[in-house]
Protein backbone atom coordinates (compact mmCIF):
# COMPACT_ATOMS: atom_id res chain seq x y z
CA MET A 1 -7.36 -24.25 15.97
CA SER A 2 -8.97 -23.12 12.71
CA ARG A 3 -11.22 -26.19 12.72
CA TRP A 4 -12.49 -25.15 16.15
CA LYS A 5 -13.03 -21.57 15.01
CA ARG A 6 -15.00 -22.77 12.00
CA PHE A 7 -17.10 -25.05 14.23
CA LEU A 8 -17.71 -22.54 17.03
CA GLU A 9 -18.10 -19.35 15.02
CA PRO A 10 -21.71 -19.95 13.86
CA HIS A 11 -22.73 -20.66 17.46
CA LEU A 12 -20.81 -17.80 19.06
CA ARG A 13 -21.66 -15.10 16.49
CA PRO A 14 -25.21 -14.49 17.83
CA VAL A 15 -23.84 -14.10 21.36
CA TYR A 16 -21.10 -11.75 20.13
CA GLN A 17 -23.61 -9.68 18.17
CA THR A 18 -25.90 -9.40 21.19
CA VAL A 19 -23.05 -8.19 23.38
CA MET A 20 -21.92 -5.70 20.73
CA ARG A 21 -25.48 -4.45 20.31
CA GLN A 22 -25.66 -3.74 24.04
CA ALA A 23 -22.26 -2.00 24.01
CA ARG A 24 -22.79 -0.05 20.77
CA GLY A 25 -25.85 1.31 19.03
CA LEU A 26 -24.09 1.24 15.69
CA THR A 27 -21.23 -0.81 14.36
CA LEU A 28 -18.94 0.17 11.53
CA GLY A 29 -16.74 -1.98 9.36
CA VAL A 30 -14.23 -1.24 6.62
CA ARG A 31 -13.15 -3.25 3.59
CA GLY A 32 -10.29 -2.56 1.23
CA LEU A 33 -10.54 -3.11 -2.49
CA VAL A 34 -6.78 -3.56 -2.97
CA THR A 35 -5.63 -3.60 -6.60
CA ASP A 36 -2.25 -4.32 -8.11
CA GLY A 37 -0.53 -3.07 -11.29
CA GLU A 38 -2.16 -5.84 -13.33
CA GLY A 39 -5.67 -4.84 -12.24
CA ARG A 40 -6.06 -7.87 -9.99
CA ILE A 41 -7.93 -7.70 -6.69
CA LEU A 42 -6.71 -9.09 -3.37
CA LEU A 43 -9.12 -11.40 -1.53
CA VAL A 44 -8.76 -13.30 1.73
CA GLU A 45 -10.24 -16.55 2.96
CA HIS A 46 -10.84 -16.72 6.72
CA THR A 47 -10.38 -19.82 8.84
CA TYR A 48 -13.71 -19.38 10.63
CA ILE A 49 -16.15 -18.63 7.81
CA HIS A 50 -16.56 -20.00 4.29
CA GLY A 51 -15.76 -17.88 1.24
CA TRP A 52 -13.48 -15.20 -0.14
CA TYR A 53 -13.81 -11.58 0.97
CA LEU A 54 -12.24 -8.17 0.58
CA PRO A 55 -9.86 -7.73 3.52
CA GLY A 56 -11.15 -5.62 6.37
CA GLY A 57 -12.89 -5.64 9.71
CA GLY A 58 -14.44 -3.58 12.46
CA VAL A 59 -13.61 -0.04 13.49
CA GLU A 60 -12.56 -0.11 17.14
CA LYS A 61 -12.99 2.58 19.79
CA ARG A 62 -10.56 5.48 19.38
CA GLU A 63 -9.95 4.54 15.73
CA THR A 64 -10.92 6.40 12.61
CA ALA A 65 -12.23 4.35 9.69
CA GLU A 66 -8.96 4.99 7.86
CA MET A 67 -6.91 3.82 10.85
CA ALA A 68 -8.99 0.63 11.06
CA LEU A 69 -8.56 0.01 7.33
CA ALA A 70 -4.78 0.42 7.56
CA ARG A 71 -4.62 -1.91 10.59
CA GLU A 72 -6.85 -4.58 9.05
CA LEU A 73 -4.93 -4.57 5.75
CA VAL A 74 -1.66 -5.22 7.56
CA GLU A 75 -3.23 -7.87 9.81
CA GLU A 76 -5.20 -9.82 7.20
CA ALA A 77 -3.55 -9.11 3.88
CA GLY A 78 0.08 -8.13 4.44
CA VAL A 79 -0.55 -4.78 2.76
CA ARG A 80 0.68 -1.43 4.07
CA LEU A 81 -0.94 1.63 2.51
CA THR A 82 1.57 4.17 1.16
CA ALA A 83 -1.06 6.75 0.20
CA PRO A 84 -4.55 7.48 1.48
CA ALA A 85 -7.21 5.08 0.29
CA ARG A 86 -10.23 6.55 -1.49
CA LEU A 87 -13.70 6.03 -0.03
CA LEU A 88 -15.86 4.40 -2.69
CA SER A 89 -19.14 3.72 -0.95
CA VAL A 90 -21.07 3.28 2.29
CA HIS A 91 -23.42 0.32 2.73
CA SER A 92 -25.99 -0.69 5.29
CA ASN A 93 -25.39 -4.25 6.42
CA GLU A 94 -28.80 -4.28 8.10
CA ARG A 95 -29.83 -7.51 6.37
CA HIS A 96 -27.11 -9.40 8.22
CA TYR A 97 -26.58 -7.41 11.40
CA ARG A 98 -28.86 -4.69 12.76
CA GLY A 99 -27.20 -1.28 12.92
CA ASP A 100 -24.09 -2.31 10.98
CA HIS A 101 -22.54 -0.27 8.18
CA VAL A 102 -19.59 -1.06 5.91
CA LEU A 103 -17.29 1.45 4.19
CA ILE A 104 -15.50 0.35 1.01
CA TYR A 105 -12.17 1.94 0.11
CA HIS A 106 -10.13 1.63 -3.06
CA CYS A 107 -6.49 0.92 -2.19
CA PRO A 108 -4.27 1.14 -5.30
CA THR A 109 -1.12 2.46 -3.57
CA TRP A 110 0.52 0.07 -1.11
CA GLU A 111 3.58 -2.01 -0.33
CA PRO A 112 3.80 -5.60 0.83
CA CYS A 113 4.54 -6.34 4.48
CA ARG A 114 4.33 -9.32 6.79
CA PRO A 115 0.72 -10.06 7.80
CA THR A 116 0.26 -9.91 11.57
CA SER A 117 -2.91 -12.00 11.88
CA ARG A 118 -2.41 -15.28 13.68
CA GLY A 119 -4.79 -18.04 12.64
CA GLU A 120 -7.53 -15.81 11.21
CA ILE A 121 -6.61 -15.97 7.52
CA ARG A 122 -6.32 -19.27 5.67
CA ARG A 123 -5.28 -17.85 2.30
CA ARG A 124 -4.61 -14.57 0.51
CA ASP A 125 -4.59 -14.39 -3.25
CA TRP A 126 -4.91 -12.09 -6.23
CA PHE A 127 -7.71 -12.54 -8.78
CA ALA A 128 -8.67 -10.97 -12.06
CA PRO A 129 -12.02 -9.20 -11.61
CA ASP A 130 -13.60 -11.35 -14.31
CA ASP A 131 -12.22 -14.58 -12.78
CA LEU A 132 -13.09 -14.44 -9.09
CA PRO A 133 -12.77 -17.65 -7.12
CA GLU A 134 -15.58 -20.05 -6.39
CA GLY A 135 -16.93 -19.01 -3.01
CA ALA A 136 -16.34 -15.26 -3.39
CA SER A 137 -19.14 -13.71 -1.34
CA ALA A 138 -22.04 -12.05 -3.12
CA GLY A 139 -21.28 -8.72 -1.43
CA THR A 140 -17.65 -8.93 -2.52
CA ARG A 141 -18.70 -9.61 -6.12
CA ARG A 142 -21.16 -6.69 -6.11
CA ARG A 143 -18.60 -4.21 -4.73
CA ILE A 144 -16.01 -5.21 -7.32
CA THR A 145 -18.52 -4.96 -10.17
CA GLU A 146 -19.76 -1.55 -8.98
CA MET A 147 -16.24 -0.14 -8.87
CA LEU A 148 -15.21 -1.50 -12.27
CA ASP A 149 -18.43 -0.58 -14.04
CA GLY A 150 -18.56 2.86 -12.42
CA ARG A 151 -22.22 2.40 -11.58
CA PRO A 152 -23.82 3.75 -8.42
CA PRO A 153 -23.36 1.35 -5.50
CA ASP A 154 -26.23 -0.53 -3.92
CA LEU A 155 -26.73 1.11 -0.52
CA PHE A 156 -27.37 -2.27 1.09
CA TRP A 157 -24.65 -4.85 1.48
């Protein structure tokens, strides 16, 4: 099934985005910068798109951003937050999808759990910030660098 998702996703994404644009004037996504005791960062690789990303996804109707983050971390990463995550930055994703914004949260306090995603995530792994995997997305790299360097975030994804 993942092969089909990877094949169909580039063709279906424009249709999906058009439908979402009609249904919503603004879309909001969340990503979790999950760190462990060794300072490593958790990244996920999806089955339907190339590259490594911070775990996360869209905020659904009747969900707060924090609720969406908690749900997405369990689904994609097998991580259950045990303390509130800290909002790091807000980014316009306008370059990739009109009207989209992404919130980045730092998630240092969590416990492992069974991931609930079925077929969406190919791999999950921990990486040292200075040794990110080949294929880590440019946005993922920028968010990690901004957090570690303590510099102001770029407002655009």
